[in-house]
Protein backbone atom coordinates (compact mmCIF):
# COMPACT_ATOMS: atom_id res chain seq x y z
CA UNK A 1 66.83 7.63 53.08
CA UNK A 2 64.94 5.50 49.84
CA UNK A 3 67.19 3.33 48.22
CA UNK A 4 66.67 3.72 44.48
CA UNK A 5 67.91 1.22 42.25
CA UNK A 6 68.57 1.90 38.65
CA UNK A 7 68.13 -0.64 35.93
CA UNK A 8 72.01 -0.47 34.96
CA UNK A 9 72.44 -1.54 38.92
CA UNK A 10 70.39 -4.36 39.58
CA UNK A 11 71.27 -5.87 35.62
CA UNK A 12 74.71 -6.02 37.32
CA UNK A 13 73.60 -8.40 40.21
CA UNK A 14 71.86 -11.29 37.22
CA UNK A 15 74.34 -13.37 36.20
CA UNK A 16 73.80 -14.61 33.11
CA UNK A 17 70.49 -16.58 32.20
CA UNK A 18 72.77 -19.00 30.32
CA UNK A 19 73.97 -20.56 33.22
CA UNK A 20 70.42 -20.78 34.92
CA UNK A 21 71.10 -18.04 38.06
CA UNK A 22 68.96 -15.92 39.15
CA UNK A 23 69.08 -12.51 39.47
CA UNK A 24 69.04 -10.91 43.32
CA UNK A 25 67.17 -8.18 43.75
CA UNK A 26 67.03 -6.44 46.91
CA UNK A 27 63.32 -8.07 49.07
CA UNK A 28 61.47 -6.25 51.12
CA UNK A 29 61.88 -7.16 54.94
CA UNK A 30 60.69 -6.06 58.19
CA UNK A 31 63.32 -5.34 61.32
CA UNK A 32 62.82 -5.63 64.31
CA UNK A 33 62.73 -1.80 65.54
CA UNK A 34 63.28 -0.46 61.70
CA UNK A 35 61.08 0.83 59.19
CA UNK A 36 58.91 -1.97 57.14
CA UNK A 37 60.50 -1.04 53.46
CA UNK A 38 58.34 -2.16 50.51
CA UNK A 39 59.93 -3.22 47.21
CA UNK A 40 58.04 -1.82 44.30
CA UNK A 41 59.43 -2.75 41.08
CA UNK A 42 57.48 -0.92 37.65
CA UNK A 43 58.53 0.37 34.17
CA UNK A 44 55.92 3.15 34.57
CA UNK A 45 55.48 5.41 36.51
CA UNK A 46 58.99 6.14 35.54
CA UNK A 47 62.11 7.37 36.73
CA UNK A 48 62.24 9.90 34.26
CA UNK A 49 64.62 12.09 36.37
CA UNK A 50 64.97 14.73 38.91
CA UNK A 51 61.67 16.34 39.58
CA UNK A 52 59.81 12.88 38.04
CA UNK A 53 56.33 12.61 40.14
CA UNK A 54 57.26 8.85 41.01
CA UNK A 55 59.73 10.31 43.31
CA UNK A 56 57.42 13.11 44.83
CA UNK A 57 54.15 10.26 45.25
CA UNK A 58 57.14 8.09 46.93
CA UNK A 59 58.16 11.11 49.67
CA UNK A 60 54.95 12.72 50.25
CA UNK A 61 54.49 8.37 51.00
CA UNK A 62 56.95 8.35 53.41
CA UNK A 63 56.47 11.50 55.17
CA UNK A 64 52.47 10.39 56.15
CA UNK A 65 53.90 6.88 56.99
CA UNK A 66 56.58 7.40 58.90
CA UNK A 67 57.13 3.72 59.74
CA UNK A 68 57.31 2.73 55.69
CA UNK A 69 60.44 2.84 53.38
CA UNK A 70 59.54 2.70 49.75
CA UNK A 71 62.43 1.04 47.85
CA UNK A 72 61.75 2.08 44.25
CA UNK A 73 63.31 -0.32 41.23
CA UNK A 74 62.82 1.13 37.76
CA UNK A 75 63.78 -1.29 34.86
CA UNK A 76 62.66 -0.36 31.26
CA UNK A 77 59.89 -1.27 29.80
CA UNK A 78 61.92 -3.27 27.29
CA UNK A 79 63.16 -5.99 30.72
CA UNK A 80 60.99 -5.56 32.73
CA UNK A 81 58.80 -8.34 32.38
CA UNK A 82 61.93 -10.61 32.04
CA UNK A 83 63.63 -9.34 35.04
CA UNK A 84 60.43 -10.06 37.17
CA UNK A 85 59.93 -13.06 35.86
CA UNK A 86 63.19 -14.52 37.00
CA UNK A 87 62.95 -12.72 40.75
CA UNK A 88 59.78 -14.03 41.07
CA UNK A 89 60.77 -17.10 40.48
CA UNK A 90 63.21 -17.19 42.32
CA UNK A 91 61.78 -16.03 45.26
CA UNK A 92 63.51 -12.74 45.27
CA UNK A 93 60.48 -10.97 43.86
CA UNK A 94 59.45 -7.32 44.85
CA UNK A 95 56.58 -6.86 46.94
CA UNK A 96 54.39 -4.51 45.02
CA UNK A 97 55.33 -4.15 40.83
CA UNK A 98 53.46 -2.86 37.79
CA UNK A 99 52.07 -5.23 35.21
CA UNK A 100 50.74 -4.62 31.67
CA UNK A 101 46.97 -5.08 30.85
CA UNK A 102 46.38 -8.13 28.35
CA UNK A 103 48.48 -11.44 28.12
CA UNK A 104 51.19 -10.31 30.86
CA UNK A 105 48.51 -9.50 33.99
CA UNK A 106 47.40 -13.62 32.76
CA UNK A 107 50.44 -15.36 32.21
CA UNK A 108 51.82 -13.89 35.42
CA UNK A 109 48.60 -15.14 38.02
CA UNK A 110 50.47 -17.78 40.20
CA UNK A 111 52.36 -14.48 41.15
CA UNK A 112 49.70 -12.37 42.17
CA UNK A 113 48.28 -11.99 45.35
CA UNK A 114 44.43 -12.08 44.90
CA UNK A 115 43.66 -8.25 46.67
CA UNK A 116 40.14 -9.12 46.88
CA UNK A 117 40.04 -9.13 50.96
CA UNK A 118 42.32 -6.44 50.79
CA UNK A 119 40.08 -4.03 48.78
CA UNK A 120 37.35 -4.71 50.33
CA UNK A 121 38.72 -3.98 54.01
CA UNK A 122 40.45 -1.07 52.84
CA UNK A 123 37.11 0.75 50.49
CA UNK A 124 34.04 -1.00 51.70
CA UNK A 125 31.84 -3.54 50.27
CA UNK A 126 31.24 -1.19 47.16
CA UNK A 127 34.89 -0.98 46.57
CA UNK A 128 34.57 -1.69 42.59
CA UNK A 129 32.28 1.69 42.53
CA UNK A 130 35.21 3.44 42.81
CA UNK A 131 36.76 2.73 39.57
CA UNK A 132 35.11 2.26 36.00
CA UNK A 133 33.79 -0.13 34.81
CA UNK A 134 35.92 -0.47 32.09
CA UNK A 135 39.14 -0.99 34.16
CA UNK A 136 37.30 -3.23 36.95
CA UNK A 137 36.23 -6.06 33.70
CA UNK A 138 39.92 -6.22 32.87
CA UNK A 139 41.42 -6.60 36.39
CA UNK A 140 38.52 -8.81 37.43
CA UNK A 141 39.08 -12.71 36.13
CA UNK A 142 36.27 -15.07 35.45
CA UNK A 143 35.67 -15.62 38.86
CA UNK A 144 35.11 -11.77 39.94
CA UNK A 145 38.28 -12.44 42.06
CA UNK A 146 40.66 -9.01 41.74
CA UNK A 147 44.57 -9.89 41.08
CA UNK A 148 45.18 -6.33 40.83
CA UNK A 149 44.04 -2.46 40.94
CA UNK A 150 43.89 -0.26 38.24
CA UNK A 151 46.44 2.72 38.11
CA UNK A 152 45.43 4.97 35.37
CA UNK A 153 43.47 4.54 32.39
CA UNK A 154 45.48 4.90 28.46
CA UNK A 155 44.39 4.90 24.46
CA UNK A 156 46.57 3.29 21.96
CA UNK A 157 45.50 4.27 17.98
CA UNK A 158 46.87 7.55 17.54
CA UNK A 159 49.42 9.34 16.11
CA UNK A 160 51.37 12.88 16.37
CA UNK A 161 52.25 15.75 13.79
CA UNK A 162 54.15 19.04 14.42
CA UNK A 163 52.49 21.21 12.27
CA UNK A 164 54.91 23.67 12.01
CA UNK A 165 57.66 21.35 10.69
CA UNK A 166 54.81 19.51 8.22
CA UNK A 167 53.64 23.02 6.91
CA UNK A 168 57.23 23.91 6.13
CA UNK A 169 57.09 21.11 3.77
CA UNK A 170 54.00 21.95 2.46
CA UNK A 171 51.54 20.23 4.22
CA UNK A 172 49.15 19.41 6.76
CA UNK A 173 48.27 16.88 8.78
CA UNK A 174 46.91 13.55 7.43
CA UNK A 175 43.42 12.43 8.27
CA UNK A 176 43.70 9.37 5.52
CA UNK A 177 45.57 6.87 4.15
CA UNK A 178 46.06 8.32 0.92
CA UNK A 179 46.89 11.82 2.56
CA UNK A 180 49.69 9.79 4.56
CA UNK A 181 51.15 7.88 1.61
CA UNK A 182 51.46 11.47 -0.14
CA UNK A 183 52.18 12.63 2.86
CA UNK A 184 55.22 10.52 3.09
CA UNK A 185 56.27 10.39 -0.52
CA UNK A 186 56.59 14.26 -0.38
CA UNK A 187 58.88 13.97 2.95
CA UNK A 188 61.04 11.03 1.50
CA UNK A 189 61.89 13.48 -1.19
CA UNK A 190 63.21 15.93 1.49
CA UNK A 191 65.51 13.43 2.90
CA UNK A 192 62.88 13.35 6.22
CA UNK A 193 61.50 10.67 8.13
CA UNK A 194 57.84 10.02 7.03
CA UNK A 195 55.30 8.35 9.39
CA UNK A 196 58.43 6.93 12.10
CA UNK A 197 57.26 4.58 14.34
CA UNK A 198 59.93 1.98 16.93
CA UNK A 199 58.68 -1.38 15.17
CA UNK A 200 61.30 -3.00 16.26
CA UNK A 201 58.69 -2.83 20.06
CA UNK A 202 56.45 -5.93 19.18
CA UNK A 203 53.59 -4.23 21.75
CA UNK A 204 53.14 -0.75 19.70
CA UNK A 205 53.55 -3.00 16.63
CA UNK A 206 50.22 -4.55 18.16
CA UNK A 207 48.49 -1.10 19.06
CA UNK A 208 48.89 0.23 15.79
CA UNK A 209 47.72 -3.41 14.43
CA UNK A 210 44.55 -3.78 15.93
CA UNK A 211 43.73 0.40 15.62
CA UNK A 212 43.97 -0.19 12.02
CA UNK A 213 42.08 -3.57 12.16
CA UNK A 214 39.18 -1.95 13.80
CA UNK A 215 39.00 0.46 11.58
CA UNK A 216 38.28 -2.46 8.19
CA UNK A 217 35.62 -4.34 11.13
CA UNK A 218 35.75 -3.76 14.76
CA UNK A 219 33.39 -6.83 14.92
CA UNK A 220 35.39 -9.31 13.29
CA UNK A 221 38.61 -8.56 15.31
CA UNK A 222 37.54 -8.91 18.28
CA UNK A 223 35.33 -12.24 16.89
CA UNK A 224 38.71 -13.42 15.75
CA UNK A 225 40.85 -12.71 19.09
CA UNK A 226 37.91 -14.62 20.92
CA UNK A 227 37.93 -17.53 18.55
CA UNK A 228 35.02 -17.33 17.01
CA UNK A 229 36.38 -15.96 14.13
CA UNK A 230 39.41 -17.42 11.62
CA UNK A 231 42.04 -14.77 11.19
CA UNK A 232 41.69 -15.80 7.70
CA UNK A 233 38.90 -14.05 6.99
CA UNK A 234 38.97 -11.35 4.47
CA UNK A 235 38.55 -8.35 6.67
CA UNK A 236 42.05 -9.89 8.93
CA UNK A 237 43.27 -10.30 5.52
CA UNK A 238 42.75 -6.78 4.65
CA UNK A 239 44.26 -5.78 7.86
CA UNK A 240 47.53 -7.52 7.18
CA UNK A 241 47.91 -6.57 4.30
CA UNK A 242 47.51 -3.03 4.78
CA UNK A 243 50.52 -3.58 7.68
CA UNK A 244 52.67 -5.05 5.41
CA UNK A 245 51.85 -1.98 2.50
CA UNK A 246 53.00 0.55 5.29
CA UNK A 247 56.13 -0.58 5.60
CA UNK A 248 56.79 -1.29 1.34
CA UNK A 249 55.27 2.11 0.29
CA UNK A 250 57.62 4.20 2.62
CA UNK A 251 54.60 5.25 5.08
CA UNK A 252 57.11 4.18 7.72
CA UNK A 253 60.27 4.87 7.96
CA UNK A 254 63.65 2.95 6.39
CA UNK A 255 65.08 0.43 9.11
CA UNK A 256 61.42 0.69 11.29
CA UNK A 257 61.65 -2.58 13.12
CA UNK A 258 65.77 -2.02 14.21
CA UNK A 259 63.64 1.28 16.35
CA UNK A 260 62.20 1.41 19.26
CA UNK A 261 60.22 4.25 20.40
CA UNK A 262 61.43 4.77 23.96
CA UNK A 263 64.24 6.41 23.41
CA UNK A 264 64.57 6.38 19.40
CA UNK A 265 62.00 7.51 17.74
CA UNK A 266 60.34 9.50 21.23
CA UNK A 267 62.97 11.56 21.49
CA UNK A 268 63.86 12.68 17.68
CA UNK A 269 59.81 14.00 18.13
CA UNK A 270 59.36 15.28 21.48
CA UNK A 271 63.49 16.37 23.01
CA UNK A 272 64.94 16.90 19.10
CA UNK A 273 61.95 17.92 17.39
CA UNK A 274 63.82 16.56 14.46
CA UNK A 275 60.66 14.48 12.78
CA UNK A 276 57.42 15.62 11.75
CA UNK A 277 54.79 12.22 12.80
CA UNK A 278 55.20 9.68 14.81
CA UNK A 279 53.02 6.67 15.91
CA UNK A 280 51.91 7.06 19.86
CA UNK A 281 49.44 6.78 22.48
CA UNK A 282 47.14 8.75 24.66
CA UNK A 283 50.04 8.66 27.15
CA UNK A 284 52.30 11.16 25.06
CA UNK A 285 50.12 13.98 26.70
CA UNK A 286 53.09 13.51 28.92
CA UNK A 287 54.72 15.88 27.05
CA UNK A 288 53.16 19.22 27.80
CA UNK A 289 54.05 18.65 31.12
CA UNK A 290 57.93 17.31 31.38
CA UNK A 291 60.52 19.22 32.58
CA UNK A 292 63.40 18.80 30.81
CA UNK A 293 64.09 22.14 28.62
CA UNK A 294 64.92 20.49 24.95
CA UNK A 295 60.71 18.77 26.09
CA UNK A 296 59.75 22.14 27.35
CA UNK A 297 60.99 24.01 24.42
CA UNK A 298 59.17 22.04 21.93
CA UNK A 299 56.39 21.68 23.39
CA UNK A 300 55.98 24.77 25.48
CA UNK A 301 57.53 26.99 23.79
CA UNK A 302 56.31 30.14 21.45
CA UNK A 303 53.77 29.22 18.37
CA UNK A 304 54.31 25.33 19.48
CA UNK A 305 51.61 23.58 17.27
CA UNK A 306 51.50 19.66 17.58
CA UNK A 307 48.24 17.60 16.97
CA UNK A 308 47.45 14.23 18.18
CA UNK A 309 45.05 12.31 15.34
CA UNK A 310 43.73 9.67 14.19
CA UNK A 311 43.91 8.06 10.84
CA UNK A 312 41.39 6.70 8.09
CA UNK A 313 42.71 3.28 7.31
CA UNK A 314 40.89 2.34 4.79
CA UNK A 315 39.54 5.24 3.12
CA UNK A 316 36.21 5.18 4.29
CA UNK A 317 35.47 8.48 5.47
CA UNK A 318 35.54 7.64 8.97
CA UNK A 319 39.08 7.33 11.09
CA UNK A 320 39.93 4.67 13.06
CA UNK A 321 39.11 4.12 16.62
CA UNK A 322 40.64 3.93 19.62
CA UNK A 323 41.60 0.57 21.54
CA UNK A 324 42.05 1.62 25.51
CA UNK A 325 43.19 -0.32 28.81
CA UNK A 326 44.85 -0.08 31.71
CA UNK A 327 48.01 1.02 31.87
CA UNK A 328 49.60 0.09 35.06
CA UNK A 329 48.27 -2.80 36.78
CA UNK A 330 49.49 -2.96 40.49
CA UNK A 331 50.13 -5.93 41.59
CA UNK A 332 51.45 -7.83 45.11
CA UNK A 333 53.82 -10.62 45.35
CA UNK A 334 51.78 -14.12 47.41
CA UNK A 335 55.64 -14.38 48.85
CA UNK A 336 55.75 -11.15 50.34
CA UNK A 337 56.60 -10.80 54.14
CA UNK A 338 55.05 -6.99 54.45
CA UNK A 339 51.59 -7.29 53.05
CA UNK A 340 49.83 -4.89 54.74
CA UNK A 341 52.28 -2.18 54.60
CA UNK A 342 52.47 -3.29 50.55
CA UNK A 343 48.80 -2.27 50.26
CA UNK A 344 48.83 0.43 52.03
CA UNK A 345 51.74 1.77 49.19
CA UNK A 346 49.20 0.14 46.65
CA UNK A 347 46.16 2.37 48.07
CA UNK A 348 48.01 5.82 47.99
CA UNK A 349 49.39 5.14 44.30
CA UNK A 350 45.89 4.89 42.90
CA UNK A 351 44.66 7.13 44.78
CA UNK A 352 47.06 10.69 46.07
CA UNK A 353 49.04 9.30 43.49
CA UNK A 354 46.96 8.84 40.28
CA UNK A 355 45.79 12.76 41.32
CA UNK A 356 49.60 13.85 40.76
CA UNK A 357 49.94 11.79 37.71
CA UNK A 358 47.07 12.32 35.83
CA UNK A 359 46.66 16.52 36.29
CA UNK A 360 49.70 16.91 37.18
CA UNK A 361 51.67 15.34 34.28
CA UNK A 362 49.42 13.69 32.02
CA UNK A 363 50.93 9.89 32.68
CA UNK A 364 47.63 8.29 32.54
CA UNK A 365 43.43 9.05 31.88
CA UNK A 366 41.62 8.80 35.67
CA UNK A 367 40.91 4.35 36.53
CA UNK A 368 38.62 5.98 39.35
CA UNK A 369 35.26 7.09 38.63
CA UNK A 370 35.28 9.15 41.18
CA UNK A 371 38.24 11.87 39.98
CA UNK A 372 37.69 14.90 38.25
CA UNK A 373 40.16 15.40 35.30
CA UNK A 374 41.32 18.72 36.13
CA UNK A 375 44.87 19.56 34.68
CA UNK A 376 46.39 23.09 35.67
CA UNK A 377 48.66 25.17 34.34
CA UNK A 378 48.29 23.88 30.72
CA UNK A 379 48.74 25.30 27.84
CA UNK A 380 46.50 26.18 24.82
CA UNK A 381 47.70 23.82 22.20
CA UNK A 382 47.73 20.67 24.84
CA UNK A 383 44.63 21.00 25.93
CA UNK A 384 43.67 20.82 22.60
CA UNK A 385 44.38 17.56 21.97
CA UNK A 386 43.55 16.54 25.82
CA UNK A 387 40.27 17.21 24.53
CA UNK A 388 40.45 15.25 21.13
CA UNK A 389 41.31 12.57 23.43
CA UNK A 390 38.59 13.23 25.79
CA UNK A 391 35.91 12.88 23.20
CA UNK A 392 37.89 9.67 21.48
CA UNK A 393 37.45 7.69 24.67
CA UNK A 394 33.98 8.90 25.19
CA UNK A 395 32.38 8.13 21.23
CA UNK A 396 35.36 5.97 19.65
CA UNK A 397 36.44 3.01 21.36
CA UNK A 398 36.27 -0.21 19.75
CA UNK A 399 37.26 -2.22 22.38
CA UNK A 400 40.27 -3.69 24.70
CA UNK A 401 44.26 -2.83 24.00
CA UNK A 402 46.03 -5.86 24.10
CA UNK A 403 45.46 -9.97 23.72
CA UNK A 404 44.67 -11.44 26.65
CA UNK A 405 46.30 -15.22 25.32
CA UNK A 406 49.60 -14.71 25.46
CA UNK A 407 50.60 -17.73 22.79
CA UNK A 408 48.13 -15.68 20.69
CA UNK A 409 49.63 -12.23 21.41
CA UNK A 410 53.55 -13.64 20.74
CA UNK A 411 52.35 -14.77 17.05
CA UNK A 412 50.70 -11.85 16.07
CA UNK A 413 53.19 -9.86 16.63
CA UNK A 414 55.96 -12.18 15.71
CA UNK A 415 53.72 -12.37 12.55
CA UNK A 416 53.66 -8.20 12.92
CA UNK A 417 57.48 -7.98 12.42
CA UNK A 418 57.72 -10.42 9.41
CA UNK A 419 55.57 -9.01 7.71
CA UNK A 420 56.86 -5.60 8.29
CA UNK A 421 60.58 -7.33 6.78
CA UNK A 422 58.88 -9.11 4.47
CA UNK A 423 59.30 -12.94 5.76
CA UNK A 424 56.05 -14.00 4.93
CA UNK A 425 53.14 -12.65 2.93
CA UNK A 426 49.54 -11.44 4.27
CA UNK A 427 48.08 -15.38 3.50
CA UNK A 428 51.21 -17.07 4.93
CA UNK A 429 50.40 -14.69 8.14
CA UNK A 430 46.89 -15.05 8.44
CA UNK A 431 47.31 -18.69 8.15
CA UNK A 432 49.70 -19.34 11.52
CA UNK A 433 47.87 -16.93 13.29
CA UNK A 434 44.96 -19.17 12.86
CA UNK A 435 46.65 -22.34 13.47
CA UNK A 436 47.75 -20.78 17.20
CA UNK A 437 44.28 -19.57 17.26
CA UNK A 438 42.49 -23.15 17.24
CA UNK A 439 45.37 -25.00 19.26
CA UNK A 440 44.71 -22.97 22.13
CA UNK A 441 40.90 -23.02 22.24
């Protein structure tokens, strides 16, 4: 039987970080005459209750591989990396774990096995052709080594709207910043949330800001990230000013920096159907496939109508571009004692598992080049939004989602929070970010 360890149980095994003690998790082991146990820790694919696709994938894998047992450890996104770091540094980490692209993937490099030989042995010399070039560019290092395999592609920069609710307030889906400000004003006058954001989540703030900055000048944004341009230049300064204005002008809800996306804001939109708009990415398409009664009623009920959309943030007549990244990179612990079984699980997860996660549940878009997007049973409303995501993923991608350098990513996230609560001016924020940018080159 699978050992399912949830966040609360795992946390109870931790001593306070101030004592310097580690967090004990069950580490995979192989006992003579018993099944090989592979411990898999991740925040995504998530434990979303009975019928969650991750359990279906585990059951199918164990049926095909009766000598292997998957010990699934789900940890929420807010504490996954911290708990993972403690476990890996203490020699008690999982065999396989999910990692986000960008700074975290680079930061954990000492705890990531080089998977190049495993991939070649399992998938052949031309194994890289198995995945989209964009995804391979993200998981390969500068020397061509691969420390993780890509599980699904996601796009950030989107907003979502309940079009029926907006219509109740005499509004339609806004397409420009000017229209969004007017809509927010109308909604506030009716004691309703304007555009909702879980601004306590710094990763979401980074997603939103990057899309806004790319709308102003995508070339300038990525040049600054790469150290080829200053964050104090006018184009980037404009993006920080715009970000702060969203809070000062009441476009985002009051108290936004104290609310998380999951599950504060998300539940209000997805399950309660109580707010008209919120910021979230392409992965929120799974709202059409979740089985809980509230979500199903809200998104697949009679006359349900929701739109995923992009905003023209700088009012130049063109909606903002999206940013794209591998949503989950599967990594192997170099200290694992069951590496063969661990990679067999990783292989299954990016193949048969991804087939279910994408075409059955729309958790991601495909990362595999050989995978056909063929979602069955999707409502007309859901199909419309899926086509919008595919269209923008084809011809409206500014660049990579996230920032690889950990220090630069951290200071930008810190400054976005500080701007949101008016602790700094856009000029001060840009100067502090630029100082860090110069220090890490």
